[in-house]
Amino acid sequence: MNRKLIAALSGACLIAQFFLLDSCLIAKEESLPSKMSQEEYATALRVQDKIHGLIRQASSSEEKGDYQSALEYYLRAYEINKCGGLIAVCRGGLADNYEALGKYNEALDNVRWFLAKLKPTNNPTLDRTYFQMKAAEVHLLKKIEEQKKTSESVAKTYPQVMSADHERQKRFLESMQTKGVATSFKEAALLELDDKFAEARAVYEKLLPQKETITQEMGLANWVMLYPAIQRTSELTGDEAREKEALVWIRNNMTGANGPYHEYLSNLFPAVQDHLKERLKKFNLD
């Protein structure tokens, strides 16, 4: 799918179609009065301004590559009367940012929202958008299948995180009394057990600059293990760029016999070490 589904909505005909369709449906279902009072009109403008503001913040976050924040802004905008007359813009933004975060099922739901409203016509503008959305649907279905296969593969490769007995591990982790940075490690592990890999990686990334604190409170090995954790969660979310960065660090610092942290390689199961070698080879980084 091309980035920015919103771009597919630039045609005036399509925007008008959404506005008219949703306005008619809402008016029919909720029996809205045909005229507004001045006070109601002023209130509607304030609501619309708030939606516009949230969408601008979402766009700004997207430009910075902060897709989690962008997603949250779009969700907040959508919560306001389903984003008002800008529902198509919100839905497009949700689809883009869910995909960027590796949440392909959620992205697909938003793409299919468009497909439920768009039908092939003799209008070139509308037909072009319809087929763009159909292509996006195929793309996301492929991503979902790839993610499923990857998760199954990683489940075998990382038994300490992805074992079959998730509930037992979860209860054990939740029973642990932690403080300081150990609490963040615990939080990330619980997120992984709940298959919230993007959120788990965000925690690992925040821990990465805290080398000195982690070393003091938990030992250097735990800081070193952040890189395999980031590689793992990046692989699971389909973020190849970040995975490659983590793999390069692992290659330079752990897998090589002369790496400064080679001694900690043995902390990884043999199957995990083999998997890292396969990933390095896949990206021609070995």
C-alpha atoms as a PDB file:
ATOM      1  CA  MET A   1       0.000   0.000   0.000  1.00  0.00           C
ATOM      2  CA  ASN A   2       1.235   3.481  -0.799  1.00  0.00           C
ATOM      3  CA  ARG A   3       1.966   5.593   2.253  1.00  0.00           C
ATOM      4  CA  LYS A   4      -0.616   8.211   3.081  1.00  0.00           C
ATOM      5  CA  LEU A   5      -3.989   6.833   2.226  1.00  0.00           C
ATOM      6  CA  ILE A   6      -5.178  10.359   2.851  1.00  0.00           C
ATOM      7  CA  ALA A   7      -3.603  11.318  -0.470  1.00  0.00           C
ATOM      8  CA  ALA A   8      -6.081   9.035  -2.172  1.00  0.00           C
ATOM      9  CA  LEU A   9      -8.860  11.227  -0.817  1.00  0.00           C
ATOM     10  CA  SER A  10      -7.731  14.437  -2.455  1.00  0.00           C
ATOM     11  CA  GLY A  11     -10.344  14.332  -5.212  1.00  0.00           C
ATOM     12  CA  ALA A  12     -13.135  16.801  -4.553  1.00  0.00           C
ATOM     13  CA  CYS A  13     -15.709  14.367  -5.892  1.00  0.00           C
ATOM     14  CA  LEU A  14     -14.724  11.678  -3.391  1.00  0.00           C
ATOM     15  CA  ILE A  15     -14.667  14.044  -0.423  1.00  0.00           C
ATOM     16  CA  ALA A  16     -18.056  15.392  -1.436  1.00  0.00           C
ATOM     17  CA  GLN A  17     -19.394  11.867  -1.695  1.00  0.00           C
ATOM     18  CA  PHE A  18     -18.330  11.050   1.860  1.00  0.00           C
ATOM     19  CA  PHE A  19     -19.691  14.309   3.219  1.00  0.00           C
ATOM     20  CA  LEU A  20     -23.068  13.833   1.551  1.00  0.00           C
ATOM     21  CA  LEU A  21     -23.353  10.151   2.353  1.00  0.00           C
ATOM     22  CA  ASP A  22     -22.518  10.491   6.035  1.00  0.00           C
ATOM     23  CA  SER A  23     -24.589  13.632   6.471  1.00  0.00           C
ATOM     24  CA  CYS A  24     -27.612  11.923   4.952  1.00  0.00           C
ATOM     25  CA  LEU A  25     -27.161   8.810   7.047  1.00  0.00           C
ATOM     26  CA  ILE A  26     -26.745  10.749  10.266  1.00  0.00           C
ATOM     27  CA  ALA A  27     -29.712  12.983   9.522  1.00  0.00           C
ATOM     28  CA  LYS A  28     -31.852   9.972   8.680  1.00  0.00           C
ATOM     29  CA  GLU A  29     -30.808   7.903  11.681  1.00  0.00           C
ATOM     30  CA  GLU A  30     -30.829  10.642  14.297  1.00  0.00           C
ATOM     31  CA  SER A  31     -33.513  12.897  12.790  1.00  0.00           C
ATOM     32  CA  LEU A  32     -31.385  16.026  13.095  1.00  0.00           C
ATOM     33  CA  PRO A  33     -33.237  19.326  12.665  1.00  0.00           C
ATOM     34  CA  SER A  34     -32.710  21.029   9.330  1.00  0.00           C
ATOM     35  CA  LYS A  35     -31.655  24.320  10.938  1.00  0.00           C
ATOM     36  CA  MET A  36     -29.214  25.165  13.742  1.00  0.00           C
ATOM     37  CA  SER A  37     -29.479  27.923  16.274  1.00  0.00           C
ATOM     38  CA  GLN A  38     -26.576  30.372  16.532  1.00  0.00           C
ATOM     39  CA  GLU A  39     -25.451  28.648  19.727  1.00  0.00           C
ATOM     40  CA  GLU A  40     -25.585  25.205  18.136  1.00  0.00           C
ATOM     41  CA  TYR A  41     -23.682  26.514  15.124  1.00  0.00           C
ATOM     42  CA  ALA A  42     -20.974  28.032  17.344  1.00  0.00           C
ATOM     43  CA  THR A  43     -20.669  24.766  19.247  1.00  0.00           C
ATOM     44  CA  ALA A  44     -20.358  22.803  16.004  1.00  0.00           C
ATOM     45  CA  LEU A  45     -17.578  25.128  14.842  1.00  0.00           C
ATOM     46  CA  ARG A  46     -15.662  24.659  18.088  1.00  0.00           C
ATOM     47  CA  VAL A  47     -15.948  20.897  17.762  1.00  0.00           C
ATOM     48  CA  GLN A  48     -14.740  21.023  14.173  1.00  0.00           C
ATOM     49  CA  ASP A  49     -11.812  23.259  15.155  1.00  0.00           C
ATOM     50  CA  LYS A  50     -10.822  20.723  17.802  1.00  0.00           C
ATOM     51  CA  ILE A  51     -10.917  17.911  15.247  1.00  0.00           C
ATOM     52  CA  HIS A  52      -8.804  19.983  12.831  1.00  0.00           C
ATOM     53  CA  GLY A  53      -6.294  20.671  15.595  1.00  0.00           C
ATOM     54  CA  LEU A  54      -5.931  16.988  16.460  1.00  0.00           C
ATOM     55  CA  ILE A  55      -5.453  16.079  12.799  1.00  0.00           C
ATOM     56  CA  ARG A  56      -2.741  18.731  12.449  1.00  0.00           C
ATOM     57  CA  GLN A  57      -0.971  17.280  15.508  1.00  0.00           C
ATOM     58  CA  ALA A  58      -1.295  13.805  13.996  1.00  0.00           C
ATOM     59  CA  SER A  59       0.254  14.989  10.720  1.00  0.00           C
ATOM     60  CA  SER A  60       3.107  16.653  12.589  1.00  0.00           C
ATOM     61  CA  SER A  61       3.823  13.434  14.499  1.00  0.00           C
ATOM     62  CA  GLU A  62       3.766  11.432  11.264  1.00  0.00           C
ATOM     63  CA  GLU A  63       6.341  13.749   9.700  1.00  0.00           C
ATOM     64  CA  LYS A  64       8.625  13.038  12.677  1.00  0.00           C
ATOM     65  CA  GLY A  65       8.092   9.301  12.335  1.00  0.00           C
ATOM     66  CA  ASP A  66       6.245   9.153  15.664  1.00  0.00           C
ATOM     67  CA  TYR A  67       3.464   6.889  14.456  1.00  0.00           C
ATOM     68  CA  GLN A  68       2.242   5.948  17.929  1.00  0.00           C
ATOM     69  CA  SER A  69       1.533   9.586  18.795  1.00  0.00           C
ATOM     70  CA  ALA A  70      -0.015  10.165  15.369  1.00  0.00           C
ATOM     71  CA  LEU A  71      -2.296   7.202  15.899  1.00  0.00           C
ATOM     72  CA  GLU A  72      -3.378   8.501  19.295  1.00  0.00           C
ATOM     73  CA  TYR A  73      -4.230  11.924  17.854  1.00  0.00           C
ATOM     74  CA  TYR A  74      -6.309  10.357  15.075  1.00  0.00           C
ATOM     75  CA  LEU A  75      -8.111   8.166  17.597  1.00  0.00           C
ATOM     76  CA  ARG A  76      -8.900  11.191  19.743  1.00  0.00           C
ATOM     77  CA  ALA A  77     -10.201  13.017  16.689  1.00  0.00           C
ATOM     78  CA  TYR A  78     -12.296  10.011  15.716  1.00  0.00           C
ATOM     79  CA  GLU A  79     -13.831   9.833  19.192  1.00  0.00           C
ATOM     80  CA  ILE A  80     -15.362  13.265  18.567  1.00  0.00           C
ATOM     81  CA  ASN A  81     -18.526  12.413  16.641  1.00  0.00           C
ATOM     82  CA  LYS A  82     -16.544   9.953  14.496  1.00  0.00           C
ATOM     83  CA  CYS A  83     -14.314  12.810  13.347  1.00  0.00           C
ATOM     84  CA  GLY A  84     -17.267  14.789  12.037  1.00  0.00           C
ATOM     85  CA  GLY A  85     -17.096  15.642   8.351  1.00  0.00           C
ATOM     86  CA  LEU A  86     -13.435  14.568   8.313  1.00  0.00           C
ATOM     87  CA  ILE A  87     -14.175  10.914   8.959  1.00  0.00           C
ATOM     88  CA  ALA A  88     -12.463   9.826   5.715  1.00  0.00           C
ATOM     89  CA  VAL A  89      -9.289  11.711   6.648  1.00  0.00           C
ATOM     90  CA  CYS A  90      -9.275  10.117  10.106  1.00  0.00           C
ATOM     91  CA  ARG A  91      -9.869   6.651   8.726  1.00  0.00           C
ATOM     92  CA  GLY A  92      -7.047   7.086   6.230  1.00  0.00           C
ATOM     93  CA  GLY A  93      -4.728   8.303   8.978  1.00  0.00           C
ATOM     94  CA  LEU A  94      -5.664   5.384  11.216  1.00  0.00           C
ATOM     95  CA  ALA A  95      -4.968   2.914   8.416  1.00  0.00           C
ATOM     96  CA  ASP A  96      -1.548   4.447   7.694  1.00  0.00           C
ATOM     97  CA  ASN A  97      -0.374   4.565  11.283  1.00  0.00           C
ATOM     98  CA  TYR A  98      -1.710   1.176  12.281  1.00  0.00           C
ATOM     99  CA  GLU A  99       0.245  -0.241   9.351  1.00  0.00           C
ATOM    100  CA  ALA A 100       3.383   1.694  10.315  1.00  0.00           C
ATOM    101  CA  LEU A 101       3.141   0.145  13.795  1.00  0.00           C
ATOM    102  CA  GLY A 102       2.719  -3.354  12.388  1.00  0.00           C
ATOM    103  CA  LYS A 103      -0.949  -3.562  13.428  1.00  0.00           C
ATOM    104  CA  TYR A 104      -2.130  -4.854  10.091  1.00  0.00           C
ATOM    105  CA  ASN A 105      -5.527  -6.184  11.181  1.00  0.00           C
ATOM    106  CA  GLU A 106      -6.498  -2.767  12.533  1.00  0.00           C
ATOM    107  CA  ALA A 107      -5.209  -1.112   9.357  1.00  0.00           C
ATOM    108  CA  LEU A 108      -7.273  -3.542   7.297  1.00  0.00           C
ATOM    109  CA  ASP A 109     -10.432  -2.665   9.225  1.00  0.00           C
ATOM    110  CA  ASN A 110     -10.020   0.968   8.209  1.00  0.00           C
ATOM    111  CA  VAL A 111      -9.264   0.145   4.574  1.00  0.00           C
ATOM    112  CA  ARG A 112     -12.400  -1.983   4.443  1.00  0.00           C
ATOM    113  CA  TRP A 113     -14.404   0.930   5.810  1.00  0.00           C
ATOM    114  CA  PHE A 114     -13.582   2.732   2.565  1.00  0.00           C
ATOM    115  CA  LEU A 115     -14.391  -0.313   0.452  1.00  0.00           C
ATOM    116  CA  ALA A 116     -17.801  -0.613   2.119  1.00  0.00           C
ATOM    117  CA  LYS A 117     -18.620   2.908   0.927  1.00  0.00           C
ATOM    118  CA  LEU A 118     -16.833   2.963  -2.424  1.00  0.00           C
ATOM    119  CA  LYS A 119     -18.276   0.922  -5.253  1.00  0.00           C
ATOM    120  CA  PRO A 120     -17.035   0.748  -8.850  1.00  0.00           C
ATOM    121  CA  THR A 121     -18.683   3.431 -10.982  1.00  0.00           C
ATOM    122  CA  ASN A 122     -18.083   5.103 -14.304  1.00  0.00           C
ATOM    123  CA  ASN A 123     -16.415   8.016 -12.535  1.00  0.00           C
ATOM    124  CA  PRO A 124     -12.628   7.740 -13.130  1.00  0.00           C
ATOM    125  CA  THR A 125     -11.791   9.585  -9.899  1.00  0.00           C
ATOM    126  CA  LEU A 126     -13.920   7.349  -7.701  1.00  0.00           C
ATOM    127  CA  ASP A 127     -12.915   4.168  -9.518  1.00  0.00           C
ATOM    128  CA  ARG A 128      -9.222   4.995  -9.139  1.00  0.00           C
ATOM    129  CA  THR A 129      -9.643   5.369  -5.387  1.00  0.00           C
ATOM    130  CA  TYR A 130     -11.662   2.171  -5.147  1.00  0.00           C
ATOM    131  CA  PHE A 131      -8.964   0.135  -6.854  1.00  0.00           C
ATOM    132  CA  GLN A 132      -6.275   1.787  -4.730  1.00  0.00           C
ATOM    133  CA  MET A 133      -8.150   0.588  -1.669  1.00  0.00           C
ATOM    134  CA  LYS A 134      -8.542  -2.897  -3.124  1.00  0.00           C
ATOM    135  CA  ALA A 135      -4.780  -2.991  -3.687  1.00  0.00           C
ATOM    136  CA  ALA A 136      -4.286  -1.820  -0.100  1.00  0.00           C
ATOM    137  CA  GLU A 137      -6.532  -4.638   1.114  1.00  0.00           C
ATOM    138  CA  VAL A 138      -4.490  -7.254  -0.785  1.00  0.00           C
ATOM    139  CA  HIS A 139      -1.253  -5.734   0.521  1.00  0.00           C
ATOM    140  CA  LEU A 140      -2.434  -5.843   4.138  1.00  0.00           C
ATOM    141  CA  LEU A 141      -3.748  -9.403   3.867  1.00  0.00           C
ATOM    142  CA  LYS A 142      -0.300 -10.425   2.653  1.00  0.00           C
ATOM    143  CA  LYS A 143       1.317  -8.576   5.563  1.00  0.00           C
ATOM    144  CA  ILE A 144      -1.030 -10.289   8.027  1.00  0.00           C
ATOM    145  CA  GLU A 145      -0.103 -13.707   6.644  1.00  0.00           C
ATOM    146  CA  GLU A 146       3.612 -12.873   6.768  1.00  0.00           C
ATOM    147  CA  GLN A 147       3.276 -11.620  10.337  1.00  0.00           C
ATOM    148  CA  LYS A 148       1.473 -14.807  11.340  1.00  0.00           C
ATOM    149  CA  LYS A 149       4.249 -16.951   9.890  1.00  0.00           C
ATOM    150  CA  THR A 150       6.902 -14.790  11.545  1.00  0.00           C
ATOM    151  CA  SER A 151       5.151 -15.019  14.912  1.00  0.00           C
ATOM    152  CA  GLU A 152       4.960 -18.799  14.613  1.00  0.00           C
ATOM    153  CA  SER A 153       8.652 -18.932  13.717  1.00  0.00           C
ATOM    154  CA  VAL A 154       9.703 -16.613  16.506  1.00  0.00           C
ATOM    155  CA  ALA A 155       7.531 -18.516  18.963  1.00  0.00           C
ATOM    156  CA  LYS A 156       9.789 -21.491  18.377  1.00  0.00           C
ATOM    157  CA  THR A 157      12.946 -19.396  18.384  1.00  0.00           C
ATOM    158  CA  TYR A 158      12.325 -17.399  21.554  1.00  0.00           C
ATOM    159  CA  PRO A 159      10.835 -19.880  24.018  1.00  0.00           C
ATOM    160  CA  GLN A 160      11.757 -17.679  26.996  1.00  0.00           C
ATOM    161  CA  VAL A 161       9.355 -15.037  25.706  1.00  0.00           C
ATOM    162  CA  MET A 162       6.884 -16.902  23.523  1.00  0.00           C
ATOM    163  CA  SER A 163       6.340 -20.204  25.316  1.00  0.00           C
ATOM    164  CA  ALA A 164       3.013 -21.990  25.064  1.00  0.00           C
ATOM    165  CA  ASP A 165       2.313 -21.454  28.760  1.00  0.00           C
ATOM    166  CA  HIS A 166       1.811 -17.698  28.570  1.00  0.00           C
ATOM    167  CA  GLU A 167      -0.580 -17.516  31.484  1.00  0.00           C
ATOM    168  CA  ARG A 168       1.879 -19.192  33.838  1.00  0.00           C
ATOM    169  CA  GLN A 169       4.648 -16.821  32.797  1.00  0.00           C
ATOM    170  CA  LYS A 170       2.309 -13.881  33.117  1.00  0.00           C
ATOM    171  CA  ARG A 171       1.290 -14.817  36.638  1.00  0.00           C
ATOM    172  CA  PHE A 172       4.929 -15.280  37.593  1.00  0.00           C
ATOM    173  CA  LEU A 173       5.935 -11.878  36.198  1.00  0.00           C
ATOM    174  CA  GLU A 174       2.986 -10.125  37.803  1.00  0.00           C
ATOM    175  CA  SER A 175       3.923 -11.623  41.173  1.00  0.00           C
ATOM    176  CA  MET A 176       7.455 -10.228  40.986  1.00  0.00           C
ATOM    177  CA  GLN A 177       8.142  -7.271  43.266  1.00  0.00           C
ATOM    178  CA  THR A 178      10.277  -4.833  41.303  1.00  0.00           C
ATOM    179  CA  LYS A 179      11.542  -1.302  41.577  1.00  0.00           C
ATOM    180  CA  GLY A 180      13.526   1.102  39.426  1.00  0.00           C
ATOM    181  CA  VAL A 181      14.355   0.033  35.887  1.00  0.00           C
ATOM    182  CA  ALA A 182      13.436  -3.567  36.685  1.00  0.00           C
ATOM    183  CA  THR A 183       9.807  -2.464  36.661  1.00  0.00           C
ATOM    184  CA  SER A 184      10.195  -1.320  33.061  1.00  0.00           C
ATOM    185  CA  PHE A 185      11.762  -4.645  32.054  1.00  0.00           C
ATOM    186  CA  LYS A 186       8.823  -6.397  33.701  1.00  0.00           C
ATOM    187  CA  GLU A 187       6.358  -4.139  31.868  1.00  0.00           C
ATOM    188  CA  ALA A 188       7.977  -4.902  28.501  1.00  0.00           C
ATOM    189  CA  ALA A 189       7.961  -8.655  29.152  1.00  0.00           C
ATOM    190  CA  LEU A 190       4.250  -8.554  30.008  1.00  0.00           C
ATOM    191  CA  LEU A 191       3.522  -6.590  26.862  1.00  0.00           C
ATOM    192  CA  GLU A 192       5.323  -9.205  24.774  1.00  0.00           C
ATOM    193  CA  LEU A 193       3.322 -11.968  26.411  1.00  0.00           C
ATOM    194  CA  ASP A 194       0.185 -10.088  25.343  1.00  0.00           C
ATOM    195  CA  ASP A 195       1.547  -9.851  21.764  1.00  0.00           C
ATOM    196  CA  LYS A 196       1.865  -6.075  22.078  1.00  0.00           C
ATOM    197  CA  PHE A 197       5.241  -6.041  20.413  1.00  0.00           C
ATOM    198  CA  ALA A 198       5.275  -2.416  19.265  1.00  0.00           C
ATOM    199  CA  GLU A 199       4.486  -1.224  22.781  1.00  0.00           C
ATOM    200  CA  ALA A 200       7.116  -3.555  24.257  1.00  0.00           C
ATOM    201  CA  ARG A 201       9.747  -2.238  21.872  1.00  0.00           C
ATOM    202  CA  ALA A 202       8.892   1.333  22.876  1.00  0.00           C
ATOM    203  CA  VAL A 203       9.744   0.400  26.471  1.00  0.00           C
ATOM    204  CA  TYR A 204      13.019  -1.230  25.422  1.00  0.00           C
ATOM    205  CA  GLU A 205      13.945   1.844  23.397  1.00  0.00           C
ATOM    206  CA  LYS A 206      13.352   4.086  26.416  1.00  0.00           C
ATOM    207  CA  LEU A 207      15.585   1.838  28.513  1.00  0.00           C
ATOM    208  CA  LEU A 208      18.441   1.871  26.008  1.00  0.00           C
ATOM    209  CA  PRO A 209      19.950   5.251  27.055  1.00  0.00           C
ATOM    210  CA  GLN A 210      19.926   4.147  30.722  1.00  0.00           C
ATOM    211  CA  LYS A 211      23.019   1.945  30.531  1.00  0.00           C
ATOM    212  CA  GLU A 212      24.596   3.210  33.737  1.00  0.00           C
ATOM    213  CA  THR A 213      21.415   2.895  35.787  1.00  0.00           C
ATOM    214  CA  ILE A 214      20.622  -0.572  34.435  1.00  0.00           C
ATOM    215  CA  THR A 215      24.181  -1.725  35.109  1.00  0.00           C
ATOM    216  CA  GLN A 216      24.017  -0.464  38.681  1.00  0.00           C
ATOM    217  CA  GLU A 217      20.572  -1.845  39.466  1.00  0.00           C
ATOM    218  CA  MET A 218      20.455  -5.047  37.415  1.00  0.00           C
ATOM    219  CA  GLY A 219      23.855  -5.722  35.867  1.00  0.00           C
ATOM    220  CA  LEU A 220      25.378  -4.934  32.469  1.00  0.00           C
ATOM    221  CA  ALA A 221      24.030  -8.121  30.892  1.00  0.00           C
ATOM    222  CA  ASN A 222      20.475  -6.808  31.119  1.00  0.00           C
ATOM    223  CA  TRP A 223      21.404  -3.672  29.191  1.00  0.00           C
ATOM    224  CA  VAL A 224      23.142  -5.750  26.501  1.00  0.00           C
ATOM    225  CA  MET A 225      20.029  -7.936  26.155  1.00  0.00           C
ATOM    226  CA  LEU A 226      18.037  -4.869  25.143  1.00  0.00           C
ATOM    227  CA  TYR A 227      19.460  -5.137  21.620  1.00  0.00           C
ATOM    228  CA  PRO A 228      18.214  -8.697  21.007  1.00  0.00           C
ATOM    229  CA  ALA A 229      14.885  -7.590  22.494  1.00  0.00           C
ATOM    230  CA  ILE A 230      14.685  -4.653  20.086  1.00  0.00           C
ATOM    231  CA  GLN A 231      15.664  -6.908  17.178  1.00  0.00           C
ATOM    232  CA  ARG A 232      13.001  -9.435  18.167  1.00  0.00           C
ATOM    233  CA  THR A 233      10.171  -6.934  18.555  1.00  0.00           C
ATOM    234  CA  SER A 234      11.196  -5.128  15.376  1.00  0.00           C
ATOM    235  CA  GLU A 235      11.085  -8.409  13.466  1.00  0.00           C
ATOM    236  CA  LEU A 236       7.649  -9.165  14.845  1.00  0.00           C
ATOM    237  CA  THR A 237       6.278  -5.750  13.910  1.00  0.00           C
ATOM    238  CA  GLY A 238       7.835  -5.804  10.464  1.00  0.00           C
ATOM    239  CA  ASP A 239      10.143  -2.829  11.090  1.00  0.00           C
ATOM    240  CA  GLU A 240      13.075  -4.018   8.995  1.00  0.00           C
ATOM    241  CA  ALA A 241      14.981  -0.724   9.257  1.00  0.00           C
ATOM    242  CA  ARG A 242      15.142  -0.846  13.052  1.00  0.00           C
ATOM    243  CA  GLU A 243      15.779  -4.585  13.030  1.00  0.00           C
ATOM    244  CA  LYS A 244      18.806  -4.087  10.778  1.00  0.00           C
ATOM    245  CA  GLU A 245      20.199  -1.440  13.141  1.00  0.00           C
ATOM    246  CA  ALA A 246      19.850  -3.821  16.073  1.00  0.00           C
ATOM    247  CA  LEU A 247      21.376  -6.686  14.085  1.00  0.00           C
ATOM    248  CA  VAL A 248      24.419  -4.575  13.144  1.00  0.00           C
ATOM    249  CA  TRP A 249      24.964  -3.747  16.812  1.00  0.00           C
ATOM    250  CA  ILE A 250      24.593  -7.420  17.771  1.00  0.00           C
ATOM    251  CA  ARG A 251      27.035  -8.456  15.040  1.00  0.00           C
ATOM    252  CA  ASN A 252      29.620  -5.849  16.030  1.00  0.00           C
ATOM    253  CA  ASN A 253      29.310  -6.291  19.770  1.00  0.00           C
ATOM    254  CA  MET A 254      28.088  -9.813  20.533  1.00  0.00           C
ATOM    255  CA  THR A 255      28.342 -12.456  17.834  1.00  0.00           C
ATOM    256  CA  GLY A 256      31.911 -11.653  16.841  1.00  0.00           C
ATOM    257  CA  ALA A 257      34.574 -13.307  19.019  1.00  0.00           C
ATOM    258  CA  ASN A 258      36.265  -9.941  19.526  1.00  0.00           C
ATOM    259  CA  GLY A 259      33.051  -8.067  20.284  1.00  0.00           C
ATOM    260  CA  PRO A 260      33.129  -6.099  23.553  1.00  0.00           C
ATOM    261  CA  TYR A 261      30.025  -7.929  24.802  1.00  0.00           C
ATOM    262  CA  HIS A 262      30.735 -11.356  23.298  1.00  0.00           C
ATOM    263  CA  GLU A 263      30.678 -12.946  26.752  1.00  0.00           C
ATOM    264  CA  TYR A 264      26.935 -12.231  26.995  1.00  0.00           C
ATOM    265  CA  LEU A 265      26.092 -14.125  23.805  1.00  0.00           C
ATOM    266  CA  SER A 266      25.758 -17.287  25.869  1.00  0.00           C
ATOM    267  CA  ASN A 267      22.777 -15.647  27.632  1.00  0.00           C
ATOM    268  CA  LEU A 268      20.818 -16.344  24.445  1.00  0.00           C
ATOM    269  CA  PHE A 269      19.534 -19.835  23.715  1.00  0.00           C
ATOM    270  CA  PRO A 270      21.405 -21.639  20.889  1.00  0.00           C
ATOM    271  CA  ALA A 271      18.245 -21.507  18.778  1.00  0.00           C
ATOM    272  CA  VAL A 272      18.118 -17.743  19.233  1.00  0.00           C
ATOM    273  CA  GLN A 273      21.770 -17.385  18.247  1.00  0.00           C
ATOM    274  CA  ASP A 274      21.105 -19.427  15.102  1.00  0.00           C
ATOM    275  CA  HIS A 275      18.086 -17.293  14.298  1.00  0.00           C
ATOM    276  CA  LEU A 276      20.138 -14.100  14.615  1.00  0.00           C
ATOM    277  CA  LYS A 277      22.669 -15.536  12.177  1.00  0.00           C
ATOM    278  CA  GLU A 278      19.848 -16.293   9.742  1.00  0.00           C
ATOM    279  CA  ARG A 279      18.531 -12.726  10.040  1.00  0.00           C
ATOM    280  CA  LEU A 280      22.018 -11.292   9.483  1.00  0.00           C
ATOM    281  CA  LYS A 281      22.347 -13.439   6.378  1.00  0.00           C
ATOM    282  CA  LYS A 282      18.891 -12.436   5.148  1.00  0.00           C
ATOM    283  CA  PHE A 283      19.889  -8.761   5.131  1.00  0.00           C
ATOM    284  CA  ASN A 284      23.441  -9.456   3.869  1.00  0.00           C
ATOM    285  CA  LEU A 285      24.867  -8.214   7.160  1.00  0.00           C
ATOM    286  CA  ASP A 286      26.893 -11.308   8.037  1.00  0.00           C
END
